[in-house]
Amino acid sequence: NTVALQMNSLKPEDTAVYYCAVVRGSIWSPTGYDYWGQGTQ
């Protein structure tokens, strides 16, 4: 029950709080996002 994001060649512009969420609809034409996590810096 996990989804991972492998981040390589990181740049200062990548600095942010990263969140995961459930995507409603197609990933190509989403209708919304649900159940946001707390985020990780």
Full PDB file with SEQRES, HELIX, SHEET, SSBOND, CRYST1, ORIGX, SCALE, CONECT and MASTER records, all heavy atoms in Angstrom:
SEQRES   1 A   41  ASN THR VAL ALA LEU GLN MET ASN SER LEU LYS PRO GLU          
SEQRES   2 A   41  ASP THR ALA VAL TYR TYR CYS ALA VAL VAL ARG GLY SER          
SEQRES   3 A   41  ILE TRP SER PRO THR GLY TYR ASP TYR TRP GLY GLN GLY          
SEQRES   4 A   41  THR GLN                                                      
HELIX    1 AA1 PRO A   12  ASP A   14  5                                   3    
SHEET    1 AA1 2 VAL A  22  GLY A  25  0                                        
SHEET    2 AA1 2 PRO A  30  ASP A  34 -1                                        
CRYST1    1.000    1.000    1.000  90.00  90.00  90.00 P 1           1          
ORIGX1      1.000000  0.000000  0.000000        0.00000                         
ORIGX2      0.000000  1.000000  0.000000        0.00000                         
ORIGX3      0.000000  0.000000  1.000000        0.00000                         
SCALE1      1.000000  0.000000  0.000000        0.00000                         
SCALE2      0.000000  1.000000  0.000000        0.00000                         
SCALE3      0.000000  0.000000  1.000000        0.00000                         
ATOM      1  N   ASN A   1       0.823  -1.213   0.000  1.00  0.00           N  
ATOM      2  CA  ASN A   1       0.000   0.000   0.000  1.00  0.00           C  
ATOM      3  C   ASN A   1       0.857   1.263   0.000  1.00  0.00           C  
ATOM      4  O   ASN A   1       0.621   2.197   0.776  1.00  0.00           O  
ATOM      5  CB  ASN A   1      -0.955   0.016   1.196  1.00  0.00           C  
ATOM      6  CG  ASN A   1      -2.280  -0.648   0.907  1.00  0.00           C  
ATOM      7  OD1 ASN A   1      -2.381  -1.538   0.060  1.00  0.00           O  
ATOM      8  ND2 ASN A   1      -3.320  -0.221   1.612  1.00  0.00           N  
ATOM      9  N   THR A   2       1.851   1.293  -0.864  1.00  0.00           N  
ATOM     10  CA  THR A   2       2.728   2.454  -0.938  1.00  0.00           C  
ATOM     11  C   THR A   2       2.905   2.923  -2.373  1.00  0.00           C  
ATOM     12  O   THR A   2       2.799   2.141  -3.325  1.00  0.00           O  
ATOM     13  CB  THR A   2       4.119   2.176  -0.341  1.00  0.00           C  
ATOM     14  OG1 THR A   2       4.733   1.093  -1.046  1.00  0.00           O  
ATOM     15  CG2 THR A   2       4.029   1.851   1.130  1.00  0.00           C  
ATOM     16  N   VAL A   3       3.174   4.209  -2.510  1.00  0.00           N  
ATOM     17  CA  VAL A   3       3.579   4.790  -3.780  1.00  0.00           C  
ATOM     18  C   VAL A   3       4.848   5.592  -3.513  1.00  0.00           C  
ATOM     19  O   VAL A   3       4.936   6.309  -2.512  1.00  0.00           O  
ATOM     20  CB  VAL A   3       2.462   5.658  -4.399  1.00  0.00           C  
ATOM     21  CG1 VAL A   3       2.050   6.782  -3.462  1.00  0.00           C  
ATOM     22  CG2 VAL A   3       2.894   6.201  -5.750  1.00  0.00           C  
ATOM     23  N   ALA A   4       5.838   5.429  -4.374  1.00  0.00           N  
ATOM     24  CA  ALA A   4       7.127   6.069  -4.171  1.00  0.00           C  
ATOM     25  C   ALA A   4       7.409   7.089  -5.255  1.00  0.00           C  
ATOM     26  O   ALA A   4       6.931   6.976  -6.384  1.00  0.00           O  
ATOM     27  CB  ALA A   4       8.237   5.026  -4.144  1.00  0.00           C  
ATOM     28  N   LEU A   5       8.187   8.088  -4.899  1.00  0.00           N  
ATOM     29  CA  LEU A   5       8.684   9.074  -5.849  1.00  0.00           C  
ATOM     30  C   LEU A   5      10.201   9.075  -5.739  1.00  0.00           C  
ATOM     31  O   LEU A   5      10.751   9.502  -4.721  1.00  0.00           O  
ATOM     32  CB  LEU A   5       8.125  10.463  -5.554  1.00  0.00           C  
ATOM     33  CG  LEU A   5       8.510  11.556  -6.554  1.00  0.00           C  
ATOM     34  CD1 LEU A   5       7.825  11.318  -7.900  1.00  0.00           C  
ATOM     35  CD2 LEU A   5       8.145  12.933  -6.006  1.00  0.00           C  
ATOM     36  N   GLN A   6      10.863   8.560  -6.761  1.00  0.00           N  
ATOM     37  CA  GLN A   6      12.315   8.565  -6.814  1.00  0.00           C  
ATOM     38  C   GLN A   6      12.759   9.846  -7.502  1.00  0.00           C  
ATOM     39  O   GLN A   6      12.418  10.088  -8.658  1.00  0.00           O  
ATOM     40  CB  GLN A   6      12.830   7.344  -7.580  1.00  0.00           C  
ATOM     41  CG  GLN A   6      14.346   7.293  -7.745  1.00  0.00           C  
ATOM     42  CD  GLN A   6      15.071   7.119  -6.434  1.00  0.00           C  
ATOM     43  OE1 GLN A   6      14.698   6.286  -5.621  1.00  0.00           O  
ATOM     44  NE2 GLN A   6      16.116   7.909  -6.225  1.00  0.00           N  
ATOM     45  N   MET A   7      13.518  10.662  -6.794  1.00  0.00           N  
ATOM     46  CA  MET A   7      13.943  11.963  -7.290  1.00  0.00           C  
ATOM     47  C   MET A   7      15.454  11.945  -7.485  1.00  0.00           C  
ATOM     48  O   MET A   7      16.202  11.795  -6.519  1.00  0.00           O  
ATOM     49  CB  MET A   7      13.536  13.074  -6.323  1.00  0.00           C  
ATOM     50  CG  MET A   7      12.049  13.085  -5.992  1.00  0.00           C  
ATOM     51  SD  MET A   7      11.576  14.484  -4.941  1.00  0.00           S  
ATOM     52  CE  MET A   7      12.473  14.056  -3.446  1.00  0.00           C  
ATOM     53  N   ASN A   8      15.875  12.096  -8.717  1.00  0.00           N  
ATOM     54  CA  ASN A   8      17.293  12.125  -9.053  1.00  0.00           C  
ATOM     55  C   ASN A   8      17.682  13.497  -9.580  1.00  0.00           C  
ATOM     56  O   ASN A   8      16.832  14.282  -9.988  1.00  0.00           O  
ATOM     57  CB  ASN A   8      17.618  11.060 -10.104  1.00  0.00           C  
ATOM     58  CG  ASN A   8      17.315   9.661  -9.641  1.00  0.00           C  
ATOM     59  OD1 ASN A   8      17.527   9.317  -8.480  1.00  0.00           O  
ATOM     60  ND2 ASN A   8      16.832   8.829 -10.561  1.00  0.00           N  
ATOM     61  N   SER A   9      18.978  13.777  -9.572  1.00  0.00           N  
ATOM     62  CA  SER A   9      19.502  15.045 -10.083  1.00  0.00           C  
ATOM     63  C   SER A   9      18.737  16.235  -9.520  1.00  0.00           C  
ATOM     64  O   SER A   9      18.317  17.135 -10.245  1.00  0.00           O  
ATOM     65  CB  SER A   9      19.452  15.053 -11.613  1.00  0.00           C  
ATOM     66  OG  SER A   9      20.187  13.977 -12.157  1.00  0.00           O  
ATOM     67  N   LEU A  10      18.571  16.243  -8.216  1.00  0.00           N  
ATOM     68  CA  LEU A  10      17.767  17.271  -7.569  1.00  0.00           C  
ATOM     69  C   LEU A  10      18.368  18.663  -7.749  1.00  0.00           C  
ATOM     70  O   LEU A  10      19.587  18.834  -7.750  1.00  0.00           O  
ATOM     71  CB  LEU A  10      17.602  16.957  -6.089  1.00  0.00           C  
ATOM     72  CG  LEU A  10      16.570  15.867  -5.792  1.00  0.00           C  
ATOM     73  CD1 LEU A  10      16.757  15.321  -4.390  1.00  0.00           C  
ATOM     74  CD2 LEU A  10      15.160  16.421  -5.972  1.00  0.00           C  
ATOM     75  N   LYS A  11      17.476  19.621  -7.907  1.00  0.00           N  
ATOM     76  CA  LYS A  11      17.841  21.020  -8.089  1.00  0.00           C  
ATOM     77  C   LYS A  11      17.263  21.852  -6.953  1.00  0.00           C  
ATOM     78  O   LYS A  11      16.272  21.458  -6.345  1.00  0.00           O  
ATOM     79  CB  LYS A  11      17.292  21.542  -9.420  1.00  0.00           C  
ATOM     80  CG  LYS A  11      17.691  20.741 -10.639  1.00  0.00           C  
ATOM     81  CD  LYS A  11      16.962  21.260 -11.867  1.00  0.00           C  
ATOM     82  CE  LYS A  11      17.341  20.482 -13.108  1.00  0.00           C  
ATOM     83  NZ  LYS A  11      16.622  20.986 -14.309  1.00  0.00           N  
ATOM     84  N   PRO A  12      17.852  23.010  -6.665  1.00  0.00           N  
ATOM     85  CA  PRO A  12      17.267  23.877  -5.639  1.00  0.00           C  
ATOM     86  C   PRO A  12      15.802  24.210  -5.908  1.00  0.00           C  
ATOM     87  O   PRO A  12      15.031  24.385  -4.959  1.00  0.00           O  
ATOM     88  CB  PRO A  12      18.142  25.129  -5.699  1.00  0.00           C  
ATOM     89  CG  PRO A  12      19.468  24.624  -6.147  1.00  0.00           C  
ATOM     90  CD  PRO A  12      19.149  23.532  -7.140  1.00  0.00           C  
ATOM     91  N   GLU A  13      15.409  24.282  -7.175  1.00  0.00           N  
ATOM     92  CA  GLU A  13      14.026  24.560  -7.545  1.00  0.00           C  
ATOM     93  C   GLU A  13      13.064  23.451  -7.133  1.00  0.00           C  
ATOM     94  O   GLU A  13      11.849  23.652  -7.151  1.00  0.00           O  
ATOM     95  CB  GLU A  13      13.898  24.779  -9.061  1.00  0.00           C  
ATOM     96  CG  GLU A  13      14.871  25.793  -9.632  1.00  0.00           C  
ATOM     97  CD  GLU A  13      16.145  25.147 -10.127  1.00  0.00           C  
ATOM     98  OE1 GLU A  13      16.175  24.716 -11.300  1.00  0.00           O  
ATOM     99  OE2 GLU A  13      17.114  25.079  -9.341  1.00  0.00           O  
ATOM    100  N   ASP A  14      13.589  22.285  -6.766  1.00  0.00           N  
ATOM    101  CA  ASP A  14      12.750  21.186  -6.301  1.00  0.00           C  
ATOM    102  C   ASP A  14      12.387  21.319  -4.828  1.00  0.00           C  
ATOM    103  O   ASP A  14      11.598  20.531  -4.315  1.00  0.00           O  
ATOM    104  CB  ASP A  14      13.453  19.839  -6.518  1.00  0.00           C  
ATOM    105  CG  ASP A  14      13.683  19.530  -7.986  1.00  0.00           C  
ATOM    106  OD1 ASP A  14      12.772  19.774  -8.802  1.00  0.00           O  
ATOM    107  OD2 ASP A  14      14.786  19.031  -8.318  1.00  0.00           O  
ATOM    108  N   THR A  15      12.971  22.289  -4.138  1.00  0.00           N  
ATOM    109  CA  THR A  15      12.686  22.496  -2.726  1.00  0.00           C  
ATOM    110  C   THR A  15      11.209  22.813  -2.521  1.00  0.00           C  
ATOM    111  O   THR A  15      10.676  23.748  -3.115  1.00  0.00           O  
ATOM    112  CB  THR A  15      13.546  23.626  -2.161  1.00  0.00           C  
ATOM    113  OG1 THR A  15      14.928  23.246  -2.204  1.00  0.00           O  
ATOM    114  CG2 THR A  15      13.164  23.938  -0.716  1.00  0.00           C  
ATOM    115  N   ALA A  16      10.547  22.023  -1.692  1.00  0.00           N  
ATOM    116  CA  ALA A  16       9.114  22.183  -1.455  1.00  0.00           C  
ATOM    117  C   ALA A  16       8.668  21.156  -0.430  1.00  0.00           C  
ATOM    118  O   ALA A  16       9.412  20.248  -0.082  1.00  0.00           O  
ATOM    119  CB  ALA A  16       8.320  21.993  -2.753  1.00  0.00           C  
ATOM    120  N   VAL A  17       7.437  21.315   0.025  1.00  0.00           N  
ATOM    121  CA  VAL A  17       6.779  20.256   0.769  1.00  0.00           C  
ATOM    122  C   VAL A  17       6.096  19.360  -0.254  1.00  0.00           C  
ATOM    123  O   VAL A  17       5.340  19.840  -1.101  1.00  0.00           O  
ATOM    124  CB  VAL A  17       5.752  20.798   1.779  1.00  0.00           C  
ATOM    125  CG1 VAL A  17       5.034  19.650   2.485  1.00  0.00           C  
ATOM    126  CG2 VAL A  17       6.444  21.693   2.802  1.00  0.00           C  
ATOM    127  N   TYR A  18       6.353  18.079  -0.190  1.00  0.00           N  
ATOM    128  CA  TYR A  18       5.802  17.120  -1.138  1.00  0.00           C  
ATOM    129  C   TYR A  18       4.646  16.367  -0.509  1.00  0.00           C  
ATOM    130  O   TYR A  18       4.748  15.875   0.614  1.00  0.00           O  
ATOM    131  CB  TYR A  18       6.883  16.142  -1.595  1.00  0.00           C  
ATOM    132  CG  TYR A  18       7.827  16.744  -2.607  1.00  0.00           C  
ATOM    133  CD1 TYR A  18       8.730  17.728  -2.224  1.00  0.00           C  
ATOM    134  CD2 TYR A  18       7.803  16.347  -3.945  1.00  0.00           C  
ATOM    135  CE1 TYR A  18       9.583  18.307  -3.146  1.00  0.00           C  
ATOM    136  CE2 TYR A  18       8.651  16.916  -4.869  1.00  0.00           C  
ATOM    137  CZ  TYR A  18       9.543  17.895  -4.468  1.00  0.00           C  
ATOM    138  OH  TYR A  18      10.392  18.455  -5.400  1.00  0.00           O  
ATOM    139  N   TYR A  19       3.548  16.288  -1.245  1.00  0.00           N  
ATOM    140  CA  TYR A  19       2.329  15.639  -0.791  1.00  0.00           C  
ATOM    141  C   TYR A  19       1.915  14.539  -1.754  1.00  0.00           C  
ATOM    142  O   TYR A  19       2.151  14.640  -2.955  1.00  0.00           O  
ATOM    143  CB  TYR A  19       1.169  16.637  -0.726  1.00  0.00           C  
ATOM    144  CG  TYR A  19       1.370  17.822   0.176  1.00  0.00           C  
ATOM    145  CD1 TYR A  19       1.952  18.990  -0.295  1.00  0.00           C  
ATOM    146  CD2 TYR A  19       0.956  17.782   1.501  1.00  0.00           C  
ATOM    147  CE1 TYR A  19       2.126  20.092   0.528  1.00  0.00           C  
ATOM    148  CE2 TYR A  19       1.121  18.877   2.331  1.00  0.00           C  
ATOM    149  CZ  TYR A  19       1.705  20.032   1.837  1.00  0.00           C  
ATOM    150  OH  TYR A  19       1.869  21.124   2.651  1.00  0.00           O  
ATOM    151  N   CYS A  20       1.270  13.517  -1.238  1.00  0.00           N  
ATOM    152  CA  CYS A  20       0.607  12.558  -2.110  1.00  0.00           C  
ATOM    153  C   CYS A  20      -0.897  12.669  -1.925  1.00  0.00           C  
ATOM    154  O   CYS A  20      -1.382  13.198  -0.927  1.00  0.00           O  
ATOM    155  CB  CYS A  20       1.095  11.123  -1.867  1.00  0.00           C  
ATOM    156  SG  CYS A  20       0.730  10.432  -0.242  1.00  0.00           S  
ATOM    157  N   ALA A  21      -1.638  12.197  -2.910  1.00  0.00           N  
ATOM    158  CA  ALA A  21      -3.085  12.280  -2.878  1.00  0.00           C  
ATOM    159  C   ALA A  21      -3.677  11.243  -3.821  1.00  0.00           C  
ATOM    160  O   ALA A  21      -2.995  10.738  -4.718  1.00  0.00           O  
ATOM    161  CB  ALA A  21      -3.563  13.677  -3.286  1.00  0.00           C  
ATOM    162  N   VAL A  22      -4.941  10.943  -3.599  1.00  0.00           N  
ATOM    163  CA  VAL A  22      -5.685  10.098  -4.519  1.00  0.00           C  
ATOM    164  C   VAL A  22      -6.168  10.965  -5.672  1.00  0.00           C  
ATOM    165  O   VAL A  22      -6.697  12.056  -5.460  1.00  0.00           O  
ATOM    166  CB  VAL A  22      -6.873   9.423  -3.816  1.00  0.00           C  
ATOM    167  CG1 VAL A  22      -7.741   8.661  -4.819  1.00  0.00           C  
ATOM    168  CG2 VAL A  22      -6.378   8.483  -2.723  1.00  0.00           C  
ATOM    169  N   VAL A  23      -5.972  10.493  -6.890  1.00  0.00           N  
ATOM    170  CA  VAL A  23      -6.403  11.207  -8.078  1.00  0.00           C  
ATOM    171  C   VAL A  23      -7.773  10.714  -8.494  1.00  0.00           C  
ATOM    172  O   VAL A  23      -7.964   9.518  -8.721  1.00  0.00           O  
ATOM    173  CB  VAL A  23      -5.408  11.001  -9.235  1.00  0.00           C  
ATOM    174  CG1 VAL A  23      -5.886  11.727 -10.490  1.00  0.00           C  
ATOM    175  CG2 VAL A  23      -4.012  11.465  -8.839  1.00  0.00           C  
ATOM    176  N   ARG A  24      -8.729  11.635  -8.596  1.00  0.00           N  
ATOM    177  CA  ARG A  24     -10.046  11.306  -9.108  1.00  0.00           C  
ATOM    178  C   ARG A  24     -10.033  11.400 -10.618  1.00  0.00           C  
ATOM    179  O   ARG A  24      -9.511  12.359 -11.187  1.00  0.00           O  
ATOM    180  CB  ARG A  24     -11.106  12.256  -8.541  1.00  0.00           C  
ATOM    181  CG  ARG A  24     -11.672  11.828  -7.219  1.00  0.00           C  
ATOM    182  CD  ARG A  24     -12.810  12.748  -6.806  1.00  0.00           C  
ATOM    183  NE  ARG A  24     -12.329  13.917  -6.093  1.00  0.00           N  
ATOM    184  CZ  ARG A  24     -12.658  15.177  -6.375  1.00  0.00           C  
ATOM    185  NH1 ARG A  24     -13.485  15.426  -7.384  1.00  0.00           N  
ATOM    186  NH2 ARG A  24     -12.171  16.170  -5.659  1.00  0.00           N  
ATOM    187  N   GLY A  25     -10.610  10.411 -11.270  1.00  0.00           N  
ATOM    188  CA  GLY A  25     -10.636  10.391 -12.721  1.00  0.00           C  
ATOM    189  C   GLY A  25      -9.327   9.874 -13.275  1.00  0.00           C  
ATOM    190  O   GLY A  25      -8.503   9.293 -12.569  1.00  0.00           O  
ATOM    191  N   SER A  26      -9.124  10.117 -14.549  1.00  0.00           N  
ATOM    192  CA  SER A  26      -7.921   9.682 -15.238  1.00  0.00           C  
ATOM    193  C   SER A  26      -6.715  10.523 -14.838  1.00  0.00           C  
ATOM    194  O   SER A  26      -6.838  11.712 -14.562  1.00  0.00           O  
ATOM    195  CB  SER A  26      -8.145   9.785 -16.749  1.00  0.00           C  
ATOM    196  OG  SER A  26      -6.935   9.621 -17.462  1.00  0.00           O  
ATOM    197  N   ILE A  27      -5.536   9.925 -14.799  1.00  0.00           N  
ATOM    198  CA  ILE A  27      -4.329  10.695 -14.534  1.00  0.00           C  
ATOM    199  C   ILE A  27      -4.034  11.658 -15.678  1.00  0.00           C  
ATOM    200  O   ILE A  27      -3.302  12.632 -15.484  1.00  0.00           O  
ATOM    201  CB  ILE A  27      -3.097   9.799 -14.282  1.00  0.00           C  
ATOM    202  CG1 ILE A  27      -2.742   8.969 -15.527  1.00  0.00           C  
ATOM    203  CG2 ILE A  27      -3.322   8.902 -13.077  1.00  0.00           C  
ATOM    204  CD1 ILE A  27      -1.404   8.273 -15.416  1.00  0.00           C  
ATOM    205  N   TRP A  28      -4.616  11.409 -16.837  1.00  0.00           N  
ATOM    206  CA  TRP A  28      -4.434  12.281 -17.994  1.00  0.00           C  
ATOM    207  C   TRP A  28      -5.429  13.426 -18.020  1.00  0.00           C  
ATOM    208  O   TRP A  28      -5.140  14.475 -18.610  1.00  0.00           O  
ATOM    209  CB  TRP A  28      -4.544  11.470 -19.287  1.00  0.00           C  
ATOM    210  CG  TRP A  28      -3.612  10.303 -19.313  1.00  0.00           C  
ATOM    211  CD1 TRP A  28      -3.921   9.000 -19.085  1.00  0.00           C  
ATOM    212  CD2 TRP A  28      -2.202  10.356 -19.538  1.00  0.00           C  
ATOM    213  NE1 TRP A  28      -2.787   8.216 -19.173  1.00  0.00           N  
ATOM    214  CE2 TRP A  28      -1.725   9.027 -19.449  1.00  0.00           C  
ATOM    215  CE3 TRP A  28      -1.305  11.388 -19.820  1.00  0.00           C  
ATOM    216  CZ2 TRP A  28      -0.377   8.716 -19.625  1.00  0.00           C  
ATOM    217  CZ3 TRP A  28       0.037  11.077 -19.993  1.00  0.00           C  
ATOM    218  CH2 TRP A  28       0.478   9.748 -19.893  1.00  0.00           C  
ATOM    219  N   SER A  29      -6.570  13.235 -17.413  1.00  0.00           N  
ATOM    220  CA  SER A  29      -7.603  14.269 -17.318  1.00  0.00           C  
ATOM    221  C   SER A  29      -8.284  14.154 -15.958  1.00  0.00           C  
ATOM    222  O   SER A  29      -9.451  13.766 -15.869  1.00  0.00           O  
ATOM    223  CB  SER A  29      -8.607  14.156 -18.452  1.00  0.00           C  
ATOM    224  OG  SER A  29      -9.174  12.848 -18.495  1.00  0.00           O  
ATOM    225  N   PRO A  30      -7.562  14.474 -14.889  1.00  0.00           N  
ATOM    226  CA  PRO A  30      -8.110  14.319 -13.537  1.00  0.00           C  
ATOM    227  C   PRO A  30      -9.255  15.287 -13.265  1.00  0.00           C  
ATOM    228  O   PRO A  30      -9.289  16.396 -13.811  1.00  0.00           O  
ATOM    229  CB  PRO A  30      -6.915  14.615 -12.636  1.00  0.00           C  
ATOM    230  CG  PRO A  30      -6.042  15.509 -13.462  1.00  0.00           C  
ATOM    231  CD  PRO A  30      -6.191  15.007 -14.868  1.00  0.00           C  
ATOM    232  N   THR A  31     -10.169  14.872 -12.424  1.00  0.00           N  
ATOM    233  CA  THR A  31     -11.284  15.720 -12.029  1.00  0.00           C  
ATOM    234  C   THR A  31     -11.107  16.291 -10.628  1.00  0.00           C  
ATOM    235  O   THR A  31     -11.878  17.146 -10.205  1.00  0.00           O  
ATOM    236  CB  THR A  31     -12.610  14.948 -12.098  1.00  0.00           C  
ATOM    237  OG1 THR A  31     -12.548  13.790 -11.258  1.00  0.00           O  
ATOM    238  CG2 THR A  31     -12.890  14.496 -13.527  1.00  0.00           C  
ATOM    239  N   GLY A  32     -10.107  15.810  -9.890  1.00  0.00           N  
ATOM    240  CA  GLY A  32      -9.855  16.312  -8.559  1.00  0.00           C  
ATOM    241  C   GLY A  32      -8.895  15.420  -7.799  1.00  0.00           C  
ATOM    242  O   GLY A  32      -8.447  14.391  -8.311  1.00  0.00           O  
ATOM    243  N   TYR A  33      -8.589  15.829  -6.569  1.00  0.00           N  
ATOM    244  CA  TYR A  33      -7.639  15.110  -5.733  1.00  0.00           C  
ATOM    245  C   TYR A  33      -8.195  15.006  -4.323  1.00  0.00           C  
ATOM    246  O   TYR A  33      -8.753  15.967  -3.791  1.00  0.00           O  
ATOM    247  CB  TYR A  33      -6.285  15.820  -5.737  1.00  0.00           C  
ATOM    248  CG  TYR A  33      -5.808  16.137  -7.136  1.00  0.00           C  
ATOM    249  CD1 TYR A  33      -6.012  17.396  -7.683  1.00  0.00           C  
ATOM    250  CD2 TYR A  33      -5.197  15.163  -7.908  1.00  0.00           C  
ATOM    251  CE1 TYR A  33      -5.601  17.675  -8.978  1.00  0.00           C  
ATOM    252  CE2 TYR A  33      -4.788  15.437  -9.204  1.00  0.00           C  
ATOM    253  CZ  TYR A  33      -4.986  16.688  -9.734  1.00  0.00           C  
ATOM    254  OH  TYR A  33      -4.584  16.970 -11.019  1.00  0.00           O  
ATOM    255  N   ASP A  34      -8.019  13.860  -3.721  1.00  0.00           N  
ATOM    256  CA  ASP A  34      -8.606  13.586  -2.408  1.00  0.00           C  
ATOM    257  C   ASP A  34      -7.575  13.026  -1.443  1.00  0.00           C  
ATOM    258  O   ASP A  34      -6.545  12.488  -1.842  1.00  0.00           O  
ATOM    259  CB  ASP A  34      -9.741  12.572  -2.533  1.00  0.00           C  
ATOM    260  CG  ASP A  34     -10.905  13.075  -3.358  1.00  0.00           C  
ATOM    261  OD1 ASP A  34     -11.281  14.251  -3.204  1.00  0.00           O  
ATOM    262  OD2 ASP A  34     -11.438  12.277  -4.154  1.00  0.00           O  
ATOM    263  N   TYR A  35      -7.882  13.138  -0.165  1.00  0.00           N  
ATOM    264  CA  TYR A  35      -7.138  12.487   0.914  1.00  0.00           C  
ATOM    265  C   TYR A  35      -5.666  12.865   0.945  1.00  0.00           C  
ATOM    266  O   TYR A  35      -4.775  12.008   0.983  1.00  0.00           O  
ATOM    267  CB  TYR A  35      -7.294  10.959   0.819  1.00  0.00           C  
ATOM    268  CG  TYR A  35      -8.722  10.496   0.755  1.00  0.00           C  
ATOM    269  CD1 TYR A  35      -9.225   9.906  -0.399  1.00  0.00           C  
ATOM    270  CD2 TYR A  35      -9.563  10.650   1.846  1.00  0.00           C  
ATOM    271  CE1 TYR A  35     -10.539   9.486  -0.463  1.00  0.00           C  
ATOM    272  CE2 TYR A  35     -10.885  10.233   1.791  1.00  0.00           C  
ATOM    273  CZ  TYR A  35     -11.362   9.645   0.630  1.00  0.00           C  
ATOM    274  OH  TYR A  35     -12.670   9.221   0.573  1.00  0.00           O  
ATOM    275  N   TRP A  36      -5.410  14.152   0.943  1.00  0.00           N  
ATOM    276  CA  TRP A  36      -4.040  14.646   1.019  1.00  0.00           C  
ATOM    277  C   TRP A  36      -3.340  14.153   2.277  1.00  0.00           C  
ATOM    278  O   TRP A  36      -3.929  14.100   3.356  1.00  0.00           O  
ATOM    279  CB  TRP A  36      -4.027  16.173   1.023  1.00  0.00           C  
ATOM    280  CG  TRP A  36      -4.562  16.779  -0.223  1.00  0.00           C  
ATOM    281  CD1 TRP A  36      -5.820  17.242  -0.438  1.00  0.00           C  
ATOM    282  CD2 TRP A  36      -3.843  16.993  -1.442  1.00  0.00           C  
ATOM    283  NE1 TRP A  36      -5.937  17.738  -1.716  1.00  0.00           N  
ATOM    284  CE2 TRP A  36      -4.736  17.594  -2.348  1.00  0.00           C  
ATOM    285  CE3 TRP A  36      -2.526  16.735  -1.847  1.00  0.00           C  
ATOM    286  CZ2 TRP A  36      -4.362  17.947  -3.647  1.00  0.00           C  
ATOM    287  CZ3 TRP A  36      -2.155  17.076  -3.140  1.00  0.00           C  
ATOM    288  CH2 TRP A  36      -3.062  17.675  -4.016  1.00  0.00           C  
ATOM    289  N   GLY A  37      -2.070  13.812   2.141  1.00  0.00           N  
ATOM    290  CA  GLY A  37      -1.252  13.488   3.294  1.00  0.00           C  
ATOM    291  C   GLY A  37      -0.773  14.743   3.986  1.00  0.00           C  
ATOM    292  O   GLY A  37      -1.129  15.870   3.614  1.00  0.00           O  
ATOM    293  N   GLN A  38       0.072  14.572   5.007  1.00  0.00           N  
ATOM    294  CA  GLN A  38       0.560  15.709   5.795  1.00  0.00           C  
ATOM    295  C   GLN A  38       1.747  16.403   5.138  1.00  0.00           C  
ATOM    296  O   GLN A  38       2.091  17.527   5.513  1.00  0.00           O  
ATOM    297  CB  GLN A  38       0.943  15.254   7.205  1.00  0.00           C  
ATOM    298  CG  GLN A  38       2.366  14.731   7.377  1.00  0.00           C  
ATOM    299  CD  GLN A  38       2.614  13.381   6.727  1.00  0.00           C  
ATOM    300  OE1 GLN A  38       1.691  12.692   6.316  1.00  0.00           O  
ATOM    301  NE2 GLN A  38       3.883  12.995   6.647  1.00  0.00           N  
ATOM    302  N   GLY A  39       2.369  15.748   4.188  1.00  0.00           N  
ATOM    303  CA  GLY A  39       3.497  16.316   3.478  1.00  0.00           C  
ATOM    304  C   GLY A  39       4.833  15.975   4.112  1.00  0.00           C  
ATOM    305  O   GLY A  39       4.926  15.703   5.307  1.00  0.00           O  
ATOM    306  N   THR A  40       5.881  15.995   3.290  1.00  0.00           N  
ATOM    307  CA  THR A  40       7.243  15.798   3.772  1.00  0.00           C  
ATOM    308  C   THR A  40       8.144  16.834   3.107  1.00  0.00           C  
ATOM    309  O   THR A  40       8.040  17.088   1.906  1.00  0.00           O  
ATOM    310  CB  THR A  40       7.734  14.356   3.506  1.00  0.00           C  
ATOM    311  OG1 THR A  40       9.011  14.151   4.113  1.00  0.00           O  
ATOM    312  CG2 THR A  40       7.824  14.045   2.014  1.00  0.00           C  
ATOM    313  N   GLN A  41       9.002  17.465   3.902  1.00  0.00           N  
ATOM    314  CA  GLN A  41       9.829  18.570   3.417  1.00  0.00           C  
ATOM    315  C   GLN A  41      11.044  18.057   2.668  1.00  0.00           C  
ATOM    316  O   GLN A  41      11.791  17.221   3.173  1.00  0.00           O  
ATOM    317  CB  GLN A  41      10.287  19.444   4.588  1.00  0.00           C  
ATOM    318  CG  GLN A  41      11.230  20.581   4.191  1.00  0.00           C  
ATOM    319  CD  GLN A  41      10.539  21.677   3.422  1.00  0.00           C  
ATOM    320  OE1 GLN A  41       9.478  22.150   3.832  1.00  0.00           O  
ATOM    321  NE2 GLN A  41      11.128  22.082   2.288  1.00  0.00           N  
TER     322      GLN A  41                                                      
MASTER        0    0    0    1    2    0    0    6  321    1    0    4          
END                                                                             
